[in-house]
Amino acid sequence: MRLARALVTAGVIAAGVRVVRSRTRRFLHPDGRSFTGELEIWGLGTPTGAALLDRPGRHPVTLRISKGAGTPPGYPDVLGVALRIHGPVAGHRTDLLFSTAGRGRWLRHVPVPRPSFDSRYGTILPYRTGTGAKLHLSIQPDLDGRALGRTLESVTAAAVDDGARLMLAAADGDGPTRLVGRVRFGRALPATTDAALAFDPVRNVPADLHPTGFIHGSRAFAYRIGQRWRGARPAAPDPAAVARTNAHR
């Protein structure tokens, strides 16, 4: 009984410390590195109903690589890739968030700790396109690029001189996963810029490529509260985008 109470007390204290620290840094994915970059899209060959994926082109991006719980360097964690795509419409941006996940029809919905950034990342839940089609998006290493390694420092080193690249992929419903584009890392951004970044995967998306479901919908509230708590500027209010996600269509 005493051991159980001690464990509960330790857990409460750890959570309290984490909440206090989140006044100045992210509660989730606190440790990360951000970069400029470029996304090259070549598409699937057949229309998906999402302009971003159907129109070949190149778009500037802001890319963040992170550790979900902030474990020590080299230790397993739920790793993350946040991708902000600037375009293809001028003045618009699309935020796509990926976490290390399992493989296969069911396990791709489950976040999985990984020791290396050279892993597969998924959006966990599907997206809907303008035609109502369901897409599962994922990110994976480019085997022709430099290895990202096990630490944030090794990721930064790999990004030097266009050495680090990731592949963007999509699966139509329960179909096979196919590559749709490539992300090239650019220069590393200052720590102050990284700290100020505020991604929103619900509001910062186009109507023809949006997340669906309750879990994604809960992010609309959680991300906004967390960003205000740590002093970051959240995305502009968009009730229609939140309702669209919660409606699961």
Protein backbone atom coordinates (compact mmCIF):
# COMPACT_ATOMS: atom_id res chain seq x y z
CA MET A 1 0.00 0.00 0.00
CA ARG A 2 2.79 2.40 0.90
CA LEU A 3 4.57 1.59 -2.37
CA ALA A 4 1.38 2.26 -4.34
CA ARG A 5 0.87 5.60 -2.60
CA ALA A 6 4.48 6.53 -3.22
CA LEU A 7 4.14 5.74 -6.93
CA VAL A 8 0.91 7.74 -7.21
CA THR A 9 2.48 10.66 -5.37
CA ALA A 10 5.53 10.56 -7.61
CA GLY A 11 3.29 10.50 -10.68
CA VAL A 12 1.27 13.49 -9.48
CA ILE A 13 4.45 15.45 -8.70
CA ALA A 14 5.92 14.59 -12.13
CA ALA A 15 2.73 15.70 -13.86
CA GLY A 16 2.68 18.91 -11.85
CA VAL A 17 6.27 19.68 -12.77
CA ARG A 18 5.46 19.02 -16.43
CA VAL A 19 2.47 21.37 -16.33
CA VAL A 20 4.54 24.12 -14.69
CA ARG A 21 7.32 23.71 -17.24
CA SER A 22 4.76 23.89 -20.06
CA ARG A 23 4.37 27.58 -19.25
CA THR A 24 7.55 28.11 -21.25
CA ARG A 25 7.70 25.03 -23.49
CA ARG A 26 5.41 22.46 -25.08
CA PHE A 27 3.67 19.92 -22.84
CA LEU A 28 4.00 17.28 -25.59
CA HIS A 29 6.96 17.06 -27.95
CA PRO A 30 8.96 19.55 -25.85
CA ASP A 31 12.34 18.67 -27.37
CA GLY A 32 12.71 19.33 -31.06
CA ARG A 33 14.60 20.95 -33.91
CA SER A 34 13.03 23.01 -36.68
CA PHE A 35 14.19 23.57 -40.26
CA THR A 36 13.24 25.29 -43.44
CA GLY A 37 12.69 22.94 -46.35
CA GLU A 38 10.91 22.10 -49.57
CA LEU A 39 8.18 19.63 -50.42
CA GLU A 40 8.17 18.23 -53.94
CA ILE A 41 4.86 16.65 -54.96
CA TRP A 42 4.49 14.30 -57.90
CA GLY A 43 1.17 12.74 -56.85
CA LEU A 44 -0.31 9.27 -57.15
CA GLY A 45 -1.13 9.42 -60.86
CA THR A 46 -4.84 9.16 -60.14
CA PRO A 47 -6.81 12.03 -58.54
CA THR A 48 -7.33 11.88 -54.76
CA GLY A 49 -9.60 14.92 -54.45
CA ALA A 50 -6.93 16.92 -52.60
CA ALA A 51 -5.30 19.72 -54.63
CA LEU A 52 -2.10 19.57 -52.59
CA LEU A 53 -1.53 15.93 -53.57
CA ASP A 54 -2.98 16.04 -57.08
CA ARG A 55 -1.02 19.00 -58.47
CA PRO A 56 2.69 18.33 -59.06
CA GLY A 57 4.85 21.14 -57.77
CA ARG A 58 7.27 22.40 -55.15
CA HIS A 59 6.27 24.18 -51.95
CA PRO A 60 8.36 25.78 -49.17
CA VAL A 61 7.86 24.11 -45.80
CA THR A 62 8.72 24.49 -42.14
CA LEU A 63 9.72 21.15 -40.66
CA ARG A 64 9.99 20.14 -37.00
CA ILE A 65 11.46 16.87 -35.68
CA SER A 66 10.73 16.11 -32.03
CA LYS A 67 10.50 13.69 -29.11
CA GLY A 68 7.04 13.24 -27.63
CA ALA A 69 7.92 12.80 -23.96
CA GLY A 70 11.40 14.29 -24.07
CA THR A 71 13.34 11.18 -23.02
CA PRO A 72 17.16 11.41 -22.83
CA PRO A 73 19.09 11.45 -26.13
CA GLY A 74 19.11 8.05 -27.82
CA TYR A 75 16.31 6.60 -25.67
CA PRO A 76 13.06 5.34 -27.27
CA ASP A 77 10.19 7.82 -27.45
CA VAL A 78 7.11 8.52 -29.56
CA LEU A 79 8.91 10.61 -32.17
CA GLY A 80 7.23 13.29 -34.25
CA VAL A 81 7.39 15.09 -37.57
CA ALA A 82 5.44 18.35 -37.95
CA LEU A 83 5.19 19.65 -41.50
CA ARG A 84 3.89 23.13 -42.32
CA ILE A 85 3.36 23.52 -46.07
CA HIS A 86 3.27 27.12 -47.32
CA GLY A 87 0.93 26.93 -50.33
CA PRO A 88 -0.03 25.89 -52.94
CA VAL A 89 -2.46 28.83 -52.52
CA ALA A 90 -0.62 32.04 -51.62
CA GLY A 91 -1.19 33.03 -48.00
CA HIS A 92 -2.49 29.60 -46.99
CA ARG A 93 -0.69 26.92 -45.03
CA THR A 94 -1.30 23.27 -44.24
CA ASP A 95 -0.12 21.68 -40.97
CA LEU A 96 0.36 17.90 -41.07
CA LEU A 97 1.47 16.13 -37.86
CA PHE A 98 2.96 12.63 -37.81
CA SER A 99 4.02 10.30 -34.97
CA THR A 100 5.93 7.03 -34.99
CA ALA A 101 3.32 4.31 -35.36
CA GLY A 102 2.92 0.65 -36.12
CA ARG A 103 2.45 -0.91 -39.54
CA GLY A 104 -0.57 -2.59 -41.05
CA ARG A 105 -4.28 -1.88 -41.13
CA TRP A 106 -4.78 -1.68 -37.35
CA LEU A 107 -1.36 -0.91 -35.87
CA ARG A 108 -0.95 2.23 -37.97
CA HIS A 109 -3.51 3.80 -35.61
CA VAL A 110 -1.26 3.17 -32.58
CA PRO A 111 1.61 5.50 -31.54
CA VAL A 112 4.74 3.41 -30.95
CA PRO A 113 8.02 4.49 -29.24
CA ARG A 114 11.06 4.18 -31.48
CA PRO A 115 14.78 4.61 -30.69
CA SER A 116 15.73 6.12 -34.07
CA PHE A 117 14.41 8.99 -36.18
CA ASP A 118 14.87 6.72 -39.21
CA SER A 119 11.36 5.34 -38.66
CA ARG A 120 7.91 5.38 -40.17
CA TYR A 121 5.55 8.14 -39.01
CA GLY A 122 1.79 8.31 -39.54
CA THR A 123 -1.12 10.69 -38.95
CA ILE A 124 -2.67 7.93 -36.76
CA LEU A 125 -6.20 8.67 -38.07
CA PRO A 126 -7.32 9.26 -41.67
CA TYR A 127 -7.97 12.42 -43.65
CA ARG A 128 -10.92 13.17 -45.95
CA THR A 129 -10.47 14.74 -49.37
CA GLY A 130 -12.81 16.96 -51.37
CA THR A 131 -14.42 13.91 -52.97
CA GLY A 132 -15.03 12.23 -49.59
CA ALA A 133 -12.22 9.72 -50.14
CA LYS A 134 -10.32 8.53 -47.06
CA LEU A 135 -6.53 8.84 -47.06
CA HIS A 136 -3.94 7.63 -44.54
CA LEU A 137 -0.86 9.86 -44.72
CA SER A 138 2.60 8.85 -43.60
CA ILE A 139 6.25 9.94 -43.63
CA GLN A 140 9.23 7.63 -44.00
CA PRO A 141 13.00 8.02 -44.48
CA ASP A 142 14.43 8.47 -47.96
CA LEU A 143 16.81 5.55 -48.28
CA ASP A 144 18.99 7.59 -50.64
CA GLY A 145 19.43 10.35 -48.04
CA ARG A 146 21.56 10.50 -44.94
CA ALA A 147 20.48 8.57 -41.87
CA LEU A 148 18.80 10.80 -39.28
CA GLY A 149 20.19 8.82 -36.36
CA ARG A 150 19.02 8.52 -32.76
CA THR A 151 19.39 12.08 -31.45
CA LEU A 152 18.21 15.55 -32.39
CA GLU A 153 21.83 16.52 -32.85
CA SER A 154 22.33 13.73 -35.40
CA VAL A 155 19.22 14.94 -37.27
CA THR A 156 20.68 18.44 -37.44
CA ALA A 157 24.00 17.06 -38.69
CA ALA A 158 22.24 15.00 -41.38
CA ALA A 159 20.40 18.07 -42.64
CA VAL A 160 23.61 19.90 -43.56
CA ASP A 161 24.13 20.40 -47.32
CA ASP A 162 20.77 18.92 -48.34
CA GLY A 163 21.67 15.55 -46.84
CA ALA A 164 18.41 14.70 -45.04
CA ARG A 165 15.18 13.86 -46.83
CA LEU A 166 11.85 12.27 -46.00
CA MET A 167 9.25 10.65 -48.25
CA LEU A 168 5.56 11.59 -48.06
CA ALA A 169 3.18 8.71 -48.73
CA ALA A 170 -0.55 8.10 -48.87
CA ALA A 171 -2.82 5.05 -48.76
CA ASP A 172 -6.32 5.23 -50.25
CA GLY A 173 -8.56 3.67 -47.58
CA ASP A 174 -7.20 0.21 -46.87
CA GLY A 175 -5.18 0.14 -50.08
CA PRO A 176 -1.40 -0.01 -50.42
CA THR A 177 0.82 2.88 -49.33
CA ARG A 178 2.31 4.81 -52.26
CA LEU A 179 4.82 7.63 -52.36
CA VAL A 180 3.46 11.04 -53.37
CA GLY A 181 6.39 13.37 -52.68
CA ARG A 182 9.70 14.15 -51.04
CA VAL A 183 10.63 16.58 -48.25
CA ARG A 184 14.10 18.10 -48.34
CA PHE A 185 15.56 19.62 -45.17
CA GLY A 186 16.88 23.17 -45.42
CA ARG A 187 18.70 25.23 -42.82
CA ALA A 188 18.20 24.79 -39.08
CA LEU A 189 16.04 27.49 -37.47
CA PRO A 190 16.98 29.30 -34.22
CA ALA A 191 15.69 27.93 -30.92
CA THR A 192 13.53 31.03 -30.47
CA THR A 193 11.78 30.33 -33.79
CA ASP A 194 11.28 26.69 -32.84
CA ALA A 195 9.73 27.71 -29.51
CA ALA A 196 7.31 30.13 -31.19
CA LEU A 197 5.99 27.65 -33.77
CA ALA A 198 2.34 26.75 -33.13
CA PHE A 199 1.01 23.97 -35.35
CA ASP A 200 -2.72 23.36 -35.67
CA PRO A 201 -3.70 20.21 -37.64
CA VAL A 202 -7.42 21.08 -37.52
CA ARG A 203 -7.59 24.77 -38.45
CA ASN A 204 -4.51 25.02 -40.68
CA VAL A 205 -5.76 22.65 -43.38
CA PRO A 206 -7.67 23.07 -46.65
CA ALA A 207 -11.28 21.92 -46.95
CA ASP A 208 -10.24 19.24 -49.46
CA LEU A 209 -7.70 17.58 -47.11
CA HIS A 210 -8.84 17.64 -43.51
CA PRO A 211 -8.59 15.29 -40.49
CA THR A 212 -11.66 13.50 -39.19
CA GLY A 213 -12.92 12.01 -35.95
CA PHE A 214 -13.18 12.69 -32.23
CA ILE A 215 -9.48 12.30 -31.47
CA HIS A 216 -8.53 14.84 -34.12
CA GLY A 217 -11.39 17.03 -32.91
CA SER A 218 -10.06 16.99 -29.35
CA ARG A 219 -6.81 18.42 -30.70
CA ALA A 220 -8.69 21.56 -31.75
CA PHE A 221 -9.24 22.38 -28.07
CA ALA A 222 -6.04 20.93 -26.60
CA TYR A 223 -3.62 22.58 -29.01
CA ARG A 224 -5.23 25.99 -28.64
CA ILE A 225 -5.20 25.87 -24.84
CA GLY A 226 -1.63 24.59 -24.73
CA GLN A 227 -0.37 27.25 -27.12
CA ARG A 228 -2.01 30.07 -25.18
CA TRP A 229 -0.65 28.62 -21.93
CA ARG A 230 2.96 28.75 -23.16
CA GLY A 231 2.54 32.17 -24.77
CA ALA A 232 2.54 31.08 -28.43
CA ARG A 233 0.15 32.60 -30.96
CA PRO A 234 -2.50 30.03 -31.98
CA ALA A 235 -4.16 29.76 -35.37
CA ALA A 236 -7.07 32.04 -36.20
CA PRO A 237 -10.46 30.73 -34.98
CA ASP A 238 -12.22 28.55 -37.54
CA PRO A 239 -15.43 27.00 -36.12
CA ALA A 240 -16.30 25.49 -39.51
CA ALA A 241 -13.03 23.54 -39.63
CA VAL A 242 -13.56 22.23 -36.08
CA ALA A 243 -17.16 21.20 -36.86
CA ARG A 244 -16.06 19.53 -40.09
CA THR A 245 -13.48 17.43 -38.25
CA ASN A 246 -15.88 16.43 -35.46
CA ALA A 247 -18.56 15.49 -38.02
CA HIS A 248 -16.22 12.76 -39.34
CA ARG A 249 -16.92 13.60 -42.97
